[in-house]
Amino acid sequence: MVHSGVVRTETEAKTVRQSISLPVKTAMQVRTMAKSRRLSATRMLVELIGKGIEAEERKQREFFDLAERFRTERDPKEIKRLGNQMGRMVFGG
């Protein structure tokens, strides 16, 4: 038996088969990325989805940290700046 050095948690070891439809352009990008990294398109999708989830969670944590700073701030100028920053996070810009 060869150990790869990768330890999987119990939830990572279990899988769920999922069928999705991708726009042609996206599917082509996934295949190109997978080929360049010598991965299957499925494995590439798993990695991209995982990174997307991490990014979304990070964005949410950053927003709540900013909201907490906004809530506790006393300086009116800093409150305005933080409020504007929150607005950009919510509405873009």
PDB file of N, CA and C in Angstrom:
ATOM      1  N   MET A   1       0.843  -1.178   0.000  1.00  0.00           N
ATOM      2  CA  MET A   1       0.000   0.000   0.000  1.00  0.00           C
ATOM      3  C   MET A   1       0.890   1.244   0.000  1.00  0.00           C
ATOM      4  N   VAL A   2       0.558   2.215  -0.813  1.00  0.00           N
ATOM      5  CA  VAL A   2       1.312   3.461  -0.913  1.00  0.00           C
ATOM      6  C   VAL A   2       0.459   4.574  -0.330  1.00  0.00           C
ATOM      7  N   HIS A   3       1.054   5.355   0.535  1.00  0.00           N
ATOM      8  CA  HIS A   3       0.329   6.471   1.140  1.00  0.00           C
ATOM      9  C   HIS A   3       0.722   7.744   0.413  1.00  0.00           C
ATOM     10  N   SER A   4      -0.271   8.503  -0.041  1.00  0.00           N
ATOM     11  CA  SER A   4      -0.008   9.713  -0.826  1.00  0.00           C
ATOM     12  C   SER A   4       0.298  10.931   0.031  1.00  0.00           C
ATOM     13  N   GLY A   5       0.104  10.815   1.347  1.00  0.00           N
ATOM     14  CA  GLY A   5       0.322  11.970   2.214  1.00  0.00           C
ATOM     15  C   GLY A   5      -0.919  12.824   2.362  1.00  0.00           C
ATOM     16  N   VAL A   6      -1.965  12.499   1.631  1.00  0.00           N
ATOM     17  CA  VAL A   6      -3.212  13.246   1.706  1.00  0.00           C
ATOM     18  C   VAL A   6      -4.139  12.523   2.671  1.00  0.00           C
ATOM     19  N   VAL A   7      -4.613  13.251   3.665  1.00  0.00           N
ATOM     20  CA  VAL A   7      -5.554  12.676   4.621  1.00  0.00           C
ATOM     21  C   VAL A   7      -6.909  13.306   4.355  1.00  0.00           C
ATOM     22  N   ARG A   8      -7.890  12.472   4.116  1.00  0.00           N
ATOM     23  CA  ARG A   8      -9.230  12.979   3.826  1.00  0.00           C
ATOM     24  C   ARG A   8     -10.105  12.865   5.063  1.00  0.00           C
ATOM     25  N   THR A   9     -10.925  13.870   5.255  1.00  0.00           N
ATOM     26  CA  THR A   9     -11.874  13.794   6.352  1.00  0.00           C
ATOM     27  C   THR A   9     -13.006  12.876   5.928  1.00  0.00           C
ATOM     28  N   GLU A  10     -13.833  12.505   6.881  1.00  0.00           N
ATOM     29  CA  GLU A  10     -14.931  11.579   6.580  1.00  0.00           C
ATOM     30  C   GLU A  10     -15.870  12.144   5.515  1.00  0.00           C
ATOM     31  N   THR A  11     -16.164  13.448   5.572  1.00  0.00           N
ATOM     32  CA  THR A  11     -17.079  14.036   4.596  1.00  0.00           C
ATOM     33  C   THR A  11     -16.448  14.136   3.215  1.00  0.00           C
ATOM     34  N   GLU A  12     -15.122  14.285   3.149  1.00  0.00           N
ATOM     35  CA  GLU A  12     -14.459  14.349   1.849  1.00  0.00           C
ATOM     36  C   GLU A  12     -14.424  12.988   1.172  1.00  0.00           C
ATOM     37  N   ALA A  13     -14.386  11.927   1.955  1.00  0.00           N
ATOM     38  CA  ALA A  13     -14.289  10.585   1.394  1.00  0.00           C
ATOM     39  C   ALA A  13     -15.593  10.164   0.728  1.00  0.00           C
ATOM     40  N   LYS A  14     -16.706  10.687   1.200  1.00  0.00           N
ATOM     41  CA  LYS A  14     -18.001  10.357   0.616  1.00  0.00           C
ATOM     42  C   LYS A  14     -18.262  11.273  -0.573  1.00  0.00           C
ATOM     43  N   THR A  15     -18.885  10.737  -1.584  1.00  0.00           N
ATOM     44  CA  THR A  15     -19.192  11.560  -2.746  1.00  0.00           C
ATOM     45  C   THR A  15     -20.662  11.426  -3.100  1.00  0.00           C
ATOM     46  N   VAL A  16     -21.157  12.409  -3.798  1.00  0.00           N
ATOM     47  CA  VAL A  16     -22.521  12.417  -4.303  1.00  0.00           C
ATOM     48  C   VAL A  16     -22.443  12.670  -5.790  1.00  0.00           C
ATOM     49  N   ARG A  17     -23.060  11.828  -6.565  1.00  0.00           N
ATOM     50  CA  ARG A  17     -23.072  12.016  -8.011  1.00  0.00           C
ATOM     51  C   ARG A  17     -24.038  13.151  -8.339  1.00  0.00           C
ATOM     52  N   GLN A  18     -23.553  14.105  -9.126  1.00  0.00           N
ATOM     53  CA  GLN A  18     -24.336  15.282  -9.465  1.00  0.00           C
ATOM     54  C   GLN A  18     -24.230  15.512 -10.964  1.00  0.00           C
ATOM     55  N   SER A  19     -25.335  15.755 -11.596  1.00  0.00           N
ATOM     56  CA  SER A  19     -25.324  16.036 -13.022  1.00  0.00           C
ATOM     57  C   SER A  19     -25.621  17.518 -13.229  1.00  0.00           C
ATOM     58  N   ILE A  20     -24.761  18.184 -13.993  1.00  0.00           N
ATOM     59  CA  ILE A  20     -24.966  19.603 -14.267  1.00  0.00           C
ATOM     60  C   ILE A  20     -24.805  19.870 -15.751  1.00  0.00           C
ATOM     61  N   SER A  21     -25.402  20.944 -16.198  1.00  0.00           N
ATOM     62  CA  SER A  21     -25.220  21.403 -17.572  1.00  0.00           C
ATOM     63  C   SER A  21     -24.449  22.712 -17.512  1.00  0.00           C
ATOM     64  N   LEU A  22     -23.444  22.824 -18.366  1.00  0.00           N
ATOM     65  CA  LEU A  22     -22.614  24.023 -18.401  1.00  0.00           C
ATOM     66  C   LEU A  22     -22.780  24.720 -19.738  1.00  0.00           C
ATOM     67  N   PRO A  23     -22.688  26.035 -19.729  1.00  0.00           N
ATOM     68  CA  PRO A  23     -22.636  26.734 -21.011  1.00  0.00           C
ATOM     69  C   PRO A  23     -21.409  26.253 -21.784  1.00  0.00           C
ATOM     70  N   VAL A  24     -21.487  26.240 -23.093  1.00  0.00           N
ATOM     71  CA  VAL A  24     -20.400  25.737 -23.937  1.00  0.00           C
ATOM     72  C   VAL A  24     -19.080  26.418 -23.612  1.00  0.00           C
ATOM     73  N   LYS A  25     -19.101  27.738 -23.492  1.00  0.00           N
ATOM     74  CA  LYS A  25     -17.858  28.479 -23.225  1.00  0.00           C
ATOM     75  C   LYS A  25     -17.236  28.031 -21.901  1.00  0.00           C
ATOM     76  N   THR A  26     -18.063  27.863 -20.878  1.00  0.00           N
ATOM     77  CA  THR A  26     -17.560  27.432 -19.573  1.00  0.00           C
ATOM     78  C   THR A  26     -16.982  26.024 -19.652  1.00  0.00           C
ATOM     79  N   ALA A  27     -17.684  25.132 -20.327  1.00  0.00           N
ATOM     80  CA  ALA A  27     -17.201  23.753 -20.467  1.00  0.00           C
ATOM     81  C   ALA A  27     -15.853  23.722 -21.187  1.00  0.00           C
ATOM     82  N   MET A  28     -15.709  24.547 -22.202  1.00  0.00           N
ATOM     83  CA  MET A  28     -14.443  24.597 -22.937  1.00  0.00           C
ATOM     84  C   MET A  28     -13.326  25.123 -22.029  1.00  0.00           C
ATOM     85  N   GLN A  29     -13.629  26.130 -21.221  1.00  0.00           N
ATOM     86  CA  GLN A  29     -12.625  26.679 -20.307  1.00  0.00           C
ATOM     87  C   GLN A  29     -12.209  25.619 -19.286  1.00  0.00           C
ATOM     88  N   VAL A  30     -13.183  24.875 -18.759  1.00  0.00           N
ATOM     89  CA  VAL A  30     -12.884  23.834 -17.777  1.00  0.00           C
ATOM     90  C   VAL A  30     -11.990  22.771 -18.409  1.00  0.00           C
ATOM     91  N   ARG A  31     -12.332  22.331 -19.615  1.00  0.00           N
ATOM     92  CA  ARG A  31     -11.520  21.315 -20.293  1.00  0.00           C
ATOM     93  C   ARG A  31     -10.100  21.810 -20.542  1.00  0.00           C
ATOM     94  N   THR A  32      -9.963  23.057 -20.961  1.00  0.00           N
ATOM     95  CA  THR A  32      -8.641  23.634 -21.216  1.00  0.00           C
ATOM     96  C   THR A  32      -7.824  23.699 -19.930  1.00  0.00           C
ATOM     97  N   MET A  33      -8.444  24.146 -18.861  1.00  0.00           N
ATOM     98  CA  MET A  33      -7.753  24.223 -17.570  1.00  0.00           C
ATOM     99  C   MET A  33      -7.351  22.825 -17.097  1.00  0.00           C
ATOM    100  N   ALA A  34      -8.267  21.884 -17.232  1.00  0.00           N
ATOM    101  CA  ALA A  34      -7.991  20.514 -16.797  1.00  0.00           C
ATOM    102  C   ALA A  34      -6.831  19.921 -17.580  1.00  0.00           C
ATOM    103  N   LYS A  35      -6.844  20.138 -18.866  1.00  0.00           N
ATOM    104  CA  LYS A  35      -5.779  19.600 -19.713  1.00  0.00           C
ATOM    105  C   LYS A  35      -4.429  20.193 -19.328  1.00  0.00           C
ATOM    106  N   SER A  36      -4.396  21.492 -19.081  1.00  0.00           N
ATOM    107  CA  SER A  36      -3.128  22.135 -18.728  1.00  0.00           C
ATOM    108  C   SER A  36      -2.600  21.653 -17.379  1.00  0.00           C
ATOM    109  N   ARG A  37      -3.492  21.212 -16.508  1.00  0.00           N
ATOM    110  CA  ARG A  37      -3.070  20.719 -15.192  1.00  0.00           C
ATOM    111  C   ARG A  37      -3.051  19.194 -15.122  1.00  0.00           C
ATOM    112  N   ARG A  38      -3.333  18.573 -16.269  1.00  0.00           N
ATOM    113  CA  ARG A  38      -3.360  17.108 -16.370  1.00  0.00           C
ATOM    114  C   ARG A  38      -4.334  16.481 -15.379  1.00  0.00           C
ATOM    115  N   LEU A  39      -5.538  17.053 -15.362  1.00  0.00           N
ATOM    116  CA  LEU A  39      -6.624  16.557 -14.530  1.00  0.00           C
ATOM    117  C   LEU A  39      -7.796  16.200 -15.421  1.00  0.00           C
ATOM    118  N   SER A  40      -8.725  15.437 -14.892  1.00  0.00           N
ATOM    119  CA  SER A  40      -9.967  15.205 -15.622  1.00  0.00           C
ATOM    120  C   SER A  40     -10.820  16.468 -15.486  1.00  0.00           C
ATOM    121  N   ALA A  41     -11.745  16.653 -16.395  1.00  0.00           N
ATOM    122  CA  ALA A  41     -12.641  17.809 -16.321  1.00  0.00           C
ATOM    123  C   ALA A  41     -13.456  17.748 -15.028  1.00  0.00           C
ATOM    124  N   THR A  42     -13.843  16.557 -14.609  1.00  0.00           N
ATOM    125  CA  THR A  42     -14.608  16.406 -13.374  1.00  0.00           C
ATOM    126  C   THR A  42     -13.782  16.866 -12.176  1.00  0.00           C
ATOM    127  N   ARG A  43     -12.536  16.434 -12.105  1.00  0.00           N
ATOM    128  CA  ARG A  43     -11.669  16.837 -10.994  1.00  0.00           C
ATOM    129  C   ARG A  43     -11.441  18.349 -11.009  1.00  0.00           C
ATOM    130  N   MET A  44     -11.300  18.909 -12.202  1.00  0.00           N
ATOM    131  CA  MET A  44     -11.121  20.351 -12.321  1.00  0.00           C
ATOM    132  C   MET A  44     -12.360  21.075 -11.786  1.00  0.00           C
ATOM    133  N   LEU A  45     -13.542  20.577 -12.128  1.00  0.00           N
ATOM    134  CA  LEU A  45     -14.781  21.180 -11.625  1.00  0.00           C
ATOM    135  C   LEU A  45     -14.845  21.105 -10.108  1.00  0.00           C
ATOM    136  N   VAL A  46     -14.459  19.973  -9.535  1.00  0.00           N
ATOM    137  CA  VAL A  46     -14.466  19.821  -8.078  1.00  0.00           C
ATOM    138  C   VAL A  46     -13.550  20.863  -7.444  1.00  0.00           C
ATOM    139  N   GLU A  47     -12.354  21.039  -8.010  1.00  0.00           N
ATOM    140  CA  GLU A  47     -11.421  22.031  -7.471  1.00  0.00           C
ATOM    141  C   GLU A  47     -11.965  23.453  -7.614  1.00  0.00           C
ATOM    142  N   LEU A  48     -12.528  23.768  -8.777  1.00  0.00           N
ATOM    143  CA  LEU A  48     -13.070  25.107  -8.992  1.00  0.00           C
ATOM    144  C   LEU A  48     -14.241  25.393  -8.058  1.00  0.00           C
ATOM    145  N   ILE A  49     -15.104  24.421  -7.876  1.00  0.00           N
ATOM    146  CA  ILE A  49     -16.244  24.608  -6.981  1.00  0.00           C
ATOM    147  C   ILE A  49     -15.752  24.807  -5.552  1.00  0.00           C
ATOM    148  N   GLY A  50     -14.779  23.997  -5.133  1.00  0.00           N
ATOM    149  CA  GLY A  50     -14.223  24.148  -3.785  1.00  0.00           C
ATOM    150  C   GLY A  50     -13.629  25.527  -3.568  1.00  0.00           C
ATOM    151  N   LYS A  51     -12.875  26.009  -4.552  1.00  0.00           N
ATOM    152  CA  LYS A  51     -12.272  27.345  -4.437  1.00  0.00           C
ATOM    153  C   LYS A  51     -13.344  28.434  -4.427  1.00  0.00           C
ATOM    154  N   GLY A  52     -14.402  28.228  -5.205  1.00  0.00           N
ATOM    155  CA  GLY A  52     -15.497  29.195  -5.224  1.00  0.00           C
ATOM    156  C   GLY A  52     -16.212  29.258  -3.889  1.00  0.00           C
ATOM    157  N   ILE A  53     -16.418  28.109  -3.267  1.00  0.00           N
ATOM    158  CA  ILE A  53     -17.056  28.070  -1.947  1.00  0.00           C
ATOM    159  C   ILE A  53     -16.174  28.767  -0.921  1.00  0.00           C
ATOM    160  N   GLU A  54     -14.877  28.479  -0.954  1.00  0.00           N
ATOM    161  CA  GLU A  54     -13.945  29.139  -0.030  1.00  0.00           C
ATOM    162  C   GLU A  54     -13.966  30.653  -0.222  1.00  0.00           C
ATOM    163  N   ALA A  55     -13.974  31.106  -1.463  1.00  0.00           N
ATOM    164  CA  ALA A  55     -13.983  32.539  -1.753  1.00  0.00           C
ATOM    165  C   ALA A  55     -15.269  33.186  -1.241  1.00  0.00           C
ATOM    166  N   GLU A  56     -16.388  32.509  -1.427  1.00  0.00           N
ATOM    167  CA  GLU A  56     -17.675  33.038  -0.967  1.00  0.00           C
ATOM    168  C   GLU A  56     -17.710  33.124   0.559  1.00  0.00           C
ATOM    169  N   GLU A  57     -17.193  32.097   1.232  1.00  0.00           N
ATOM    170  CA  GLU A  57     -17.139  32.113   2.699  1.00  0.00           C
ATOM    171  C   GLU A  57     -16.222  33.224   3.195  1.00  0.00           C
ATOM    172  N   ARG A  58     -15.078  33.404   2.521  1.00  0.00           N
ATOM    173  CA  ARG A  58     -14.138  34.463   2.893  1.00  0.00           C
ATOM    174  C   ARG A  58     -14.788  35.840   2.714  1.00  0.00           C
ATOM    175  N   LYS A  59     -15.502  36.021   1.615  1.00  0.00           N
ATOM    176  CA  LYS A  59     -16.179  37.289   1.342  1.00  0.00           C
ATOM    177  C   LYS A  59     -17.230  37.576   2.420  1.00  0.00           C
ATOM    178  N   GLN A  60     -17.940  36.546   2.826  1.00  0.00           N
ATOM    179  CA  GLN A  60     -18.959  36.706   3.860  1.00  0.00           C
ATOM    180  C   GLN A  60     -18.314  37.079   5.205  1.00  0.00           C
ATOM    181  N   ARG A  61     -17.208  36.412   5.559  1.00  0.00           N
ATOM    182  CA  ARG A  61     -16.504  36.746   6.811  1.00  0.00           C
ATOM    183  C   ARG A  61     -16.005  38.187   6.780  1.00  0.00           C
ATOM    184  N   GLU A  62     -15.448  38.603   5.634  1.00  0.00           N
ATOM    185  CA  GLU A  62     -14.950  39.972   5.505  1.00  0.00           C
ATOM    186  C   GLU A  62     -16.079  40.982   5.680  1.00  0.00           C
ATOM    187  N   PHE A  63     -17.245  40.667   5.114  1.00  0.00           N
ATOM    188  CA  PHE A  63     -18.390  41.571   5.237  1.00  0.00           C
ATOM    189  C   PHE A  63     -18.821  41.684   6.695  1.00  0.00           C
ATOM    190  N   PHE A  64     -18.928  40.545   7.397  1.00  0.00           N
ATOM    191  CA  PHE A  64     -19.363  40.591   8.789  1.00  0.00           C
ATOM    192  C   PHE A  64     -18.328  41.281   9.682  1.00  0.00           C
ATOM    193  N   ASP A  65     -17.044  41.110   9.381  1.00  0.00           N
ATOM    194  CA  ASP A  65     -16.004  41.834  10.117  1.00  0.00           C
ATOM    195  C   ASP A  65     -16.146  43.333   9.888  1.00  0.00           C
ATOM    196  N   LEU A  66     -16.382  43.725   8.645  1.00  0.00           N
ATOM    197  CA  LEU A  66     -16.569  45.131   8.307  1.00  0.00           C
ATOM    198  C   LEU A  66     -17.824  45.686   8.977  1.00  0.00           C
ATOM    199  N   ALA A  67     -18.901  44.910   8.986  1.00  0.00           N
ATOM    200  CA  ALA A  67     -20.142  45.347   9.631  1.00  0.00           C
ATOM    201  C   ALA A  67     -19.936  45.557  11.125  1.00  0.00           C
ATOM    202  N   GLU A  68     -19.145  44.684  11.747  1.00  0.00           N
ATOM    203  CA  GLU A  68     -18.851  44.828  13.177  1.00  0.00           C
ATOM    204  C   GLU A  68     -18.037  46.086  13.430  1.00  0.00           C
ATOM    205  N   ARG A  69     -17.047  46.343  12.576  1.00  0.00           N
ATOM    206  CA  ARG A  69     -16.260  47.580  12.709  1.00  0.00           C
ATOM    207  C   ARG A  69     -17.155  48.797  12.528  1.00  0.00           C
ATOM    208  N   PHE A  70     -18.064  48.739  11.556  1.00  0.00           N
ATOM    209  CA  PHE A  70     -19.002  49.834  11.294  1.00  0.00           C
ATOM    210  C   PHE A  70     -19.885  50.077  12.521  1.00  0.00           C
ATOM    211  N   ARG A  71     -20.361  48.988  13.113  1.00  0.00           N
ATOM    212  CA  ARG A  71     -21.274  49.072  14.253  1.00  0.00           C
ATOM    213  C   ARG A  71     -20.600  49.682  15.486  1.00  0.00           C
ATOM    214  N   THR A  72     -19.318  49.388  15.681  1.00  0.00           N
ATOM    215  CA  THR A  72     -18.635  49.848  16.892  1.00  0.00           C
ATOM    216  C   THR A  72     -17.865  51.159  16.716  1.00  0.00           C
ATOM    217  N   GLU A  73     -17.745  51.635  15.494  1.00  0.00           N
ATOM    218  CA  GLU A  73     -16.971  52.862  15.205  1.00  0.00           C
ATOM    219  C   GLU A  73     -17.703  54.088  15.761  1.00  0.00           C
ATOM    220  N   ARG A  74     -16.944  55.043  16.242  1.00  0.00           N
ATOM    221  CA  ARG A  74     -17.517  56.286  16.795  1.00  0.00           C
ATOM    222  C   ARG A  74     -17.181  57.515  15.950  1.00  0.00           C
ATOM    223  N   ASP A  75     -16.118  57.444  15.151  1.00  0.00           N
ATOM    224  CA  ASP A  75     -15.693  58.581  14.329  1.00  0.00           C
ATOM    225  C   ASP A  75     -16.604  58.698  13.107  1.00  0.00           C
ATOM    226  N   PRO A  76     -17.319  59.833  12.970  1.00  0.00           N
ATOM    227  CA  PRO A  76     -18.258  59.988  11.849  1.00  0.00           C
ATOM    228  C   PRO A  76     -17.624  59.807  10.461  1.00  0.00           C
ATOM    229  N   LYS A  77     -16.395  60.289  10.283  1.00  0.00           N
ATOM    230  CA  LYS A  77     -15.734  60.134   8.984  1.00  0.00           C
ATOM    231  C   LYS A  77     -15.447  58.658   8.696  1.00  0.00           C
ATOM    232  N   GLU A  78     -14.991  57.951   9.719  1.00  0.00           N
ATOM    233  CA  GLU A  78     -14.693  56.529   9.545  1.00  0.00           C
ATOM    234  C   GLU A  78     -15.987  55.735   9.341  1.00  0.00           C
ATOM    235  N   ILE A  79     -17.057  56.137  10.018  1.00  0.00           N
ATOM    236  CA  ILE A  79     -18.365  55.480   9.824  1.00  0.00           C
ATOM    237  C   ILE A  79     -18.802  55.635   8.380  1.00  0.00           C
ATOM    238  N   LYS A  80     -18.649  56.830   7.841  1.00  0.00           N
ATOM    239  CA  LYS A  80     -19.035  57.069   6.442  1.00  0.00           C
ATOM    240  C   LYS A  80     -18.188  56.219   5.502  1.00  0.00           C
ATOM    241  N   ARG A  81     -16.863  56.174   5.747  1.00  0.00           N
ATOM    242  CA  ARG A  81     -15.974  55.387   4.897  1.00  0.00           C
ATOM    243  C   ARG A  81     -16.331  53.896   4.951  1.00  0.00           C
ATOM    244  N   LEU A  82     -16.556  53.396   6.159  1.00  0.00           N
ATOM    245  CA  LEU A  82     -16.917  51.984   6.304  1.00  0.00           C
ATOM    246  C   LEU A  82     -18.267  51.691   5.664  1.00  0.00           C
ATOM    247  N   GLY A  83     -19.211  52.625   5.802  1.00  0.00           N
ATOM    248  CA  GLY A  83     -20.521  52.468   5.170  1.00  0.00           C
ATOM    249  C   GLY A  83     -20.410  52.408   3.652  1.00  0.00           C
ATOM    250  N   ASN A  84     -19.571  53.265   3.099  1.00  0.00           N
ATOM    251  CA  ASN A  84     -19.349  53.247   1.649  1.00  0.00           C
ATOM    252  C   ASN A  84     -18.705  51.938   1.204  1.00  0.00           C
ATOM    253  N   GLN A  85     -17.757  51.462   2.010  1.00  0.00           N
ATOM    254  CA  GLN A  85     -17.087  50.206   1.698  1.00  0.00           C
ATOM    255  C   GLN A  85     -18.081  49.049   1.734  1.00  0.00           C
ATOM    256  N   MET A  86     -18.978  49.063   2.738  1.00  0.00           N
ATOM    257  CA  MET A  86     -20.009  48.019   2.816  1.00  0.00           C
ATOM    258  C   MET A  86     -20.934  48.080   1.602  1.00  0.00           C
ATOM    259  N   GLY A  87     -21.285  49.296   1.202  1.00  0.00           N
ATOM    260  CA  GLY A  87     -22.147  49.475   0.034  1.00  0.00           C
ATOM    261  C   GLY A  87     -21.520  48.908  -1.210  1.00  0.00           C
ATOM    262  N   ARG A  88     -20.220  49.128  -1.386  1.00  0.00           N
ATOM    263  CA  ARG A  88     -19.521  48.570  -2.552  1.00  0.00           C
ATOM    264  C   ARG A  88     -19.512  47.053  -2.512  1.00  0.00           C
ATOM    265  N   MET A  89     -19.362  46.495  -1.302  1.00  0.00           N
ATOM    266  CA  MET A  89     -19.356  45.030  -1.179  1.00  0.00           C
ATOM    267  C   MET A  89     -20.722  44.440  -1.542  1.00  0.00           C
ATOM    268  N   VAL A  90     -21.784  45.140  -1.145  1.00  0.00           N
ATOM    269  CA  VAL A  90     -23.134  44.637  -1.391  1.00  0.00           C
ATOM    270  C   VAL A  90     -23.579  44.890  -2.824  1.00  0.00           C
ATOM    271  N   PHE A  91     -23.371  46.111  -3.294  1.00  0.00           N
ATOM    272  CA  PHE A  91     -23.915  46.508  -4.594  1.00  0.00           C
ATOM    273  C   PHE A  91     -22.885  46.575  -5.713  1.00  0.00           C
ATOM    274  N   GLY A  92     -21.620  46.333  -5.390  1.00  0.00           N
ATOM    275  CA  GLY A  92     -20.570  46.405  -6.413  1.00  0.00           C
ATOM    276  C   GLY A  92     -20.144  47.837  -6.628  1.00  0.00           C
ATOM    277  N   GLY A  93     -19.096  47.970  -7.391  1.00  0.00           N
ATOM    278  CA  GLY A  93     -18.671  49.332  -7.716  1.00  0.00           C
ATOM    279  C   GLY A  93     -17.283  49.639  -7.379  1.00  0.00           C
TER     280      GLY A  93
END
